[in-house]
Amino acid sequence: MTMIDIIKWALLFLALNLLVFWIYFFDKQAARYGRRRISERTLLLLALIGGSLGAVAAQQLLRHKTRKEPFRSILAAILILHGALIAVLAFVPQWSLLLPRDF
């Protein structure tokens, strides 16, 4: 993987997390003003597909769904899962070389 590829993946990751943060902000505003909400399932799915940092940042900065269980625990589990996957890819580089061909 070249440095350009790494930069592209990092920018994609940043864009996804900013989008997830914005969606959490939108849901927080809907909660404040009694408008239609985004389902918890959708919010967690967005975190699972790669937006976990944006979701946790929004949760903490916006004080959104901080007391809601099991949402809080599931989001924490997703964050731990993502951390573990990154650690595996970082410390076992031969696996990261196989991923593009397998998927």
N, C-alpha and C. Protein backbone atom coordinates (compact mmCIF):
# COMPACT_ATOMS: atom_id res chain seq x y z
N MET A 1 0.85 -1.17 0.00
CA MET A 1 0.00 0.00 0.00
C MET A 1 0.90 1.24 0.00
N THR A 2 0.65 2.13 -0.92
CA THR A 2 1.47 3.32 -1.04
C THR A 2 0.99 4.41 -0.08
N MET A 3 1.81 5.43 0.04
CA MET A 3 1.44 6.56 0.91
C MET A 3 0.18 7.25 0.38
N ILE A 4 0.03 7.33 -0.92
CA ILE A 4 -1.17 7.94 -1.51
C ILE A 4 -2.41 7.13 -1.13
N ASP A 5 -2.30 5.81 -1.16
CA ASP A 5 -3.43 4.96 -0.75
C ASP A 5 -3.78 5.18 0.72
N ILE A 6 -2.77 5.29 1.55
CA ILE A 6 -3.00 5.52 2.98
C ILE A 6 -3.69 6.86 3.19
N ILE A 7 -3.25 7.88 2.47
CA ILE A 7 -3.88 9.21 2.59
C ILE A 7 -5.33 9.17 2.11
N LYS A 8 -5.58 8.47 1.02
CA LYS A 8 -6.96 8.34 0.52
C LYS A 8 -7.85 7.66 1.55
N TRP A 9 -7.36 6.56 2.15
CA TRP A 9 -8.15 5.85 3.17
C TRP A 9 -8.37 6.73 4.38
N ALA A 10 -7.34 7.49 4.78
CA ALA A 10 -7.48 8.37 5.94
C ALA A 10 -8.50 9.47 5.67
N LEU A 11 -8.49 10.04 4.47
CA LEU A 11 -9.48 11.07 4.13
C LEU A 11 -10.89 10.51 4.06
N LEU A 12 -11.02 9.30 3.53
CA LEU A 12 -12.32 8.65 3.50
C LEU A 12 -12.84 8.38 4.92
N PHE A 13 -11.95 7.91 5.79
CA PHE A 13 -12.29 7.66 7.18
C PHE A 13 -12.71 8.96 7.88
N LEU A 14 -11.96 10.04 7.64
CA LEU A 14 -12.29 11.34 8.23
C LEU A 14 -13.65 11.82 7.74
N ALA A 15 -13.89 11.72 6.43
CA ALA A 15 -15.17 12.16 5.86
C ALA A 15 -16.34 11.37 6.45
N LEU A 16 -16.17 10.06 6.58
CA LEU A 16 -17.23 9.22 7.15
C LEU A 16 -17.52 9.62 8.59
N ASN A 17 -16.48 9.86 9.37
CA ASN A 17 -16.68 10.22 10.77
C ASN A 17 -17.28 11.61 10.92
N LEU A 18 -16.93 12.53 10.05
CA LEU A 18 -17.57 13.85 10.07
C LEU A 18 -19.05 13.74 9.70
N LEU A 19 -19.36 12.89 8.74
CA LEU A 19 -20.76 12.66 8.35
C LEU A 19 -21.54 12.07 9.52
N VAL A 20 -20.97 11.09 10.18
CA VAL A 20 -21.65 10.46 11.32
C VAL A 20 -21.85 11.48 12.44
N PHE A 21 -20.84 12.32 12.71
CA PHE A 21 -20.98 13.37 13.72
C PHE A 21 -22.14 14.29 13.35
N TRP A 22 -22.23 14.69 12.09
CA TRP A 22 -23.29 15.58 11.64
C TRP A 22 -24.66 14.91 11.80
N ILE A 23 -24.76 13.61 11.50
CA ILE A 23 -26.03 12.91 11.65
C ILE A 23 -26.44 12.84 13.12
N TYR A 24 -25.49 12.61 14.02
CA TYR A 24 -25.80 12.63 15.45
C TYR A 24 -26.26 14.03 15.88
N PHE A 25 -25.61 15.06 15.34
CA PHE A 25 -26.02 16.43 15.64
C PHE A 25 -27.45 16.67 15.16
N PHE A 26 -27.76 16.21 13.95
CA PHE A 26 -29.10 16.34 13.40
C PHE A 26 -30.12 15.65 14.30
N ASP A 27 -29.80 14.45 14.79
CA ASP A 27 -30.71 13.72 15.67
C ASP A 27 -30.87 14.45 17.00
N LYS A 28 -29.80 15.03 17.52
CA LYS A 28 -29.88 15.78 18.77
C LYS A 28 -30.81 16.98 18.60
N GLN A 29 -30.68 17.67 17.47
CA GLN A 29 -31.57 18.81 17.20
C GLN A 29 -33.02 18.35 17.08
N ALA A 30 -33.23 17.22 16.43
CA ALA A 30 -34.60 16.69 16.31
C ALA A 30 -35.17 16.36 17.69
N ALA A 31 -34.34 15.84 18.57
CA ALA A 31 -34.80 15.52 19.93
C ALA A 31 -35.18 16.80 20.68
N ARG A 32 -34.39 17.83 20.51
CA ARG A 32 -34.68 19.10 21.21
C ARG A 32 -35.98 19.74 20.75
N TYR A 33 -36.27 19.63 19.45
CA TYR A 33 -37.41 20.35 18.88
C TYR A 33 -38.60 19.46 18.55
N GLY A 34 -38.58 18.21 19.04
CA GLY A 34 -39.71 17.32 18.87
C GLY A 34 -39.97 16.88 17.44
N ARG A 35 -38.95 16.82 16.64
CA ARG A 35 -39.09 16.39 15.25
C ARG A 35 -38.81 14.89 15.13
N ARG A 36 -39.00 14.39 13.92
CA ARG A 36 -38.76 12.97 13.64
C ARG A 36 -37.30 12.63 13.90
N ARG A 37 -37.08 11.50 14.62
CA ARG A 37 -35.75 11.09 15.05
C ARG A 37 -35.17 10.03 14.14
N ILE A 38 -33.87 9.87 14.23
CA ILE A 38 -33.15 8.79 13.54
C ILE A 38 -33.12 7.61 14.51
N SER A 39 -33.39 6.43 14.00
CA SER A 39 -33.47 5.27 14.89
C SER A 39 -32.10 4.94 15.48
N GLU A 40 -32.13 4.36 16.68
CA GLU A 40 -30.88 3.95 17.32
C GLU A 40 -30.16 2.91 16.48
N ARG A 41 -30.91 2.05 15.85
CA ARG A 41 -30.31 1.02 14.98
C ARG A 41 -29.49 1.68 13.87
N THR A 42 -30.03 2.72 13.26
CA THR A 42 -29.31 3.42 12.19
C THR A 42 -28.07 4.10 12.74
N LEU A 43 -28.18 4.75 13.88
CA LEU A 43 -27.02 5.42 14.49
C LEU A 43 -25.91 4.41 14.81
N LEU A 44 -26.28 3.26 15.34
CA LEU A 44 -25.28 2.25 15.65
C LEU A 44 -24.69 1.62 14.38
N LEU A 45 -25.51 1.45 13.36
CA LEU A 45 -25.00 0.92 12.10
C LEU A 45 -23.97 1.87 11.48
N LEU A 46 -24.24 3.16 11.55
CA LEU A 46 -23.27 4.14 11.05
C LEU A 46 -21.95 4.06 11.81
N ALA A 47 -22.04 3.84 13.11
CA ALA A 47 -20.82 3.67 13.90
C ALA A 47 -20.11 2.39 13.50
N LEU A 48 -20.86 1.33 13.28
CA LEU A 48 -20.27 0.03 12.95
C LEU A 48 -19.54 0.04 11.60
N ILE A 49 -20.06 0.75 10.62
CA ILE A 49 -19.43 0.73 9.29
C ILE A 49 -18.18 1.62 9.23
N GLY A 50 -17.79 2.20 10.35
CA GLY A 50 -16.55 2.95 10.37
C GLY A 50 -16.63 4.31 11.01
N GLY A 51 -17.81 4.72 11.44
CA GLY A 51 -17.97 6.05 12.01
C GLY A 51 -17.97 6.07 13.53
N SER A 52 -17.30 5.11 14.15
CA SER A 52 -17.36 5.02 15.61
C SER A 52 -16.71 6.21 16.31
N LEU A 53 -15.63 6.74 15.76
CA LEU A 53 -15.00 7.91 16.40
C LEU A 53 -15.89 9.13 16.30
N GLY A 54 -16.52 9.33 15.16
CA GLY A 54 -17.47 10.44 15.01
C GLY A 54 -18.67 10.28 15.93
N ALA A 55 -19.13 9.05 16.08
CA ALA A 55 -20.28 8.78 16.96
C ALA A 55 -19.93 9.06 18.41
N VAL A 56 -18.78 8.58 18.86
CA VAL A 56 -18.37 8.80 20.25
C VAL A 56 -18.10 10.28 20.50
N ALA A 57 -17.47 10.94 19.53
CA ALA A 57 -17.21 12.38 19.68
C ALA A 57 -18.53 13.14 19.80
N ALA A 58 -19.49 12.81 18.95
CA ALA A 58 -20.80 13.47 19.02
C ALA A 58 -21.49 13.16 20.33
N GLN A 59 -21.41 11.92 20.76
CA GLN A 59 -22.05 11.53 22.02
C GLN A 59 -21.50 12.36 23.17
N GLN A 60 -20.20 12.52 23.22
CA GLN A 60 -19.58 13.24 24.34
C GLN A 60 -19.73 14.75 24.21
N LEU A 61 -19.46 15.30 23.03
CA LEU A 61 -19.51 16.75 22.85
C LEU A 61 -20.93 17.30 22.86
N LEU A 62 -21.86 16.55 22.29
CA LEU A 62 -23.25 17.01 22.22
C LEU A 62 -24.10 16.51 23.38
N ARG A 63 -23.50 15.64 24.22
CA ARG A 63 -24.24 15.02 25.33
C ARG A 63 -25.48 14.31 24.80
N HIS A 64 -25.27 13.50 23.76
CA HIS A 64 -26.37 12.83 23.08
C HIS A 64 -26.31 11.33 23.34
N LYS A 65 -27.34 10.80 23.95
CA LYS A 65 -27.49 9.38 24.26
C LYS A 65 -26.39 8.90 25.22
N THR A 66 -26.01 9.73 26.16
CA THR A 66 -24.97 9.34 27.11
C THR A 66 -25.50 8.46 28.23
N ARG A 67 -26.79 8.53 28.50
CA ARG A 67 -27.37 7.71 29.58
C ARG A 67 -28.22 6.58 29.04
N LYS A 68 -28.36 6.47 27.76
CA LYS A 68 -29.26 5.49 27.13
C LYS A 68 -28.57 4.14 27.02
N GLU A 69 -29.08 3.16 27.75
CA GLU A 69 -28.58 1.78 27.66
C GLU A 69 -29.60 0.95 26.90
N PRO A 70 -29.24 0.00 26.09
CA PRO A 70 -27.89 -0.52 25.86
C PRO A 70 -27.12 0.23 24.78
N PHE A 71 -27.67 1.34 24.27
CA PHE A 71 -27.00 2.09 23.20
C PHE A 71 -25.56 2.43 23.57
N ARG A 72 -25.36 2.94 24.76
CA ARG A 72 -24.03 3.36 25.20
C ARG A 72 -23.05 2.20 25.21
N SER A 73 -23.47 1.07 25.72
CA SER A 73 -22.60 -0.11 25.79
C SER A 73 -22.30 -0.68 24.40
N ILE A 74 -23.28 -0.69 23.54
CA ILE A 74 -23.06 -1.20 22.18
C ILE A 74 -22.09 -0.30 21.44
N LEU A 75 -22.25 1.01 21.58
CA LEU A 75 -21.33 1.94 20.94
C LEU A 75 -19.91 1.76 21.46
N ALA A 76 -19.76 1.55 22.75
CA ALA A 76 -18.43 1.29 23.33
C ALA A 76 -17.84 0.00 22.77
N ALA A 77 -18.67 -1.02 22.61
CA ALA A 77 -18.20 -2.30 22.06
C ALA A 77 -17.75 -2.14 20.60
N ILE A 78 -18.48 -1.34 19.85
CA ILE A 78 -18.09 -1.08 18.45
C ILE A 78 -16.74 -0.36 18.41
N LEU A 79 -16.55 0.61 19.28
CA LEU A 79 -15.28 1.33 19.34
C LEU A 79 -14.13 0.39 19.69
N ILE A 80 -14.35 -0.49 20.64
CA ILE A 80 -13.32 -1.47 21.02
C ILE A 80 -13.04 -2.42 19.86
N LEU A 81 -14.07 -2.86 19.16
CA LEU A 81 -13.90 -3.72 18.00
C LEU A 81 -13.04 -3.04 16.93
N HIS A 82 -13.35 -1.79 16.65
CA HIS A 82 -12.56 -1.05 15.66
C HIS A 82 -11.12 -0.89 16.10
N GLY A 83 -10.91 -0.61 17.37
CA GLY A 83 -9.54 -0.50 17.89
C GLY A 83 -8.78 -1.81 17.75
N ALA A 84 -9.46 -2.91 18.03
CA ALA A 84 -8.82 -4.22 17.90
C ALA A 84 -8.48 -4.53 16.45
N LEU A 85 -9.38 -4.21 15.54
CA LEU A 85 -9.11 -4.44 14.12
C LEU A 85 -7.92 -3.62 13.63
N ILE A 86 -7.85 -2.38 14.05
CA ILE A 86 -6.72 -1.53 13.67
C ILE A 86 -5.43 -2.08 14.25
N ALA A 87 -5.47 -2.52 15.49
CA ALA A 87 -4.27 -3.09 16.12
C ALA A 87 -3.81 -4.34 15.38
N VAL A 88 -4.74 -5.20 15.02
CA VAL A 88 -4.38 -6.42 14.29
C VAL A 88 -3.75 -6.07 12.95
N LEU A 89 -4.35 -5.13 12.23
CA LEU A 89 -3.81 -4.75 10.92
C LEU A 89 -2.45 -4.07 11.06
N ALA A 90 -2.24 -3.35 12.16
CA ALA A 90 -0.96 -2.67 12.36
C ALA A 90 0.14 -3.63 12.78
N PHE A 91 -0.20 -4.61 13.61
CA PHE A 91 0.83 -5.50 14.15
C PHE A 91 0.99 -6.80 13.39
N VAL A 92 0.06 -7.08 12.49
CA VAL A 92 0.18 -8.27 11.65
C VAL A 92 0.04 -7.79 10.20
N PRO A 93 1.06 -7.11 9.68
CA PRO A 93 0.93 -6.46 8.37
C PRO A 93 0.65 -7.42 7.22
N GLN A 94 1.04 -8.66 7.33
CA GLN A 94 0.77 -9.59 6.23
C GLN A 94 -0.73 -9.81 6.06
N TRP A 95 -1.53 -9.67 7.11
CA TRP A 95 -2.98 -9.79 6.98
C TRP A 95 -3.54 -8.62 6.19
N SER A 96 -3.02 -7.43 6.43
CA SER A 96 -3.53 -6.26 5.73
C SER A 96 -3.26 -6.36 4.23
N LEU A 97 -2.19 -7.05 3.83
CA LEU A 97 -1.92 -7.23 2.41
C LEU A 97 -2.91 -8.19 1.76
N LEU A 98 -3.49 -9.10 2.52
CA LEU A 98 -4.44 -10.06 1.98
C LEU A 98 -5.85 -9.51 1.87
N LEU A 99 -6.18 -8.50 2.63
CA LEU A 99 -7.55 -7.99 2.65
C LEU A 99 -8.09 -7.55 1.31
N PRO A 100 -7.38 -6.71 0.54
CA PRO A 100 -7.98 -6.28 -0.72
C PRO A 100 -8.29 -7.44 -1.67
N ARG A 101 -7.50 -8.48 -1.68
CA ARG A 101 -7.74 -9.61 -2.56
C ARG A 101 -8.89 -10.49 -2.07
N ASP A 102 -9.05 -10.60 -0.75
CA ASP A 102 -10.11 -11.45 -0.19
C ASP A 102 -11.48 -10.82 -0.29
N PHE A 103 -11.54 -9.52 -0.21
CA PHE A 103 -12.84 -8.84 -0.23
C PHE A 103 -13.05 -8.26 -1.58
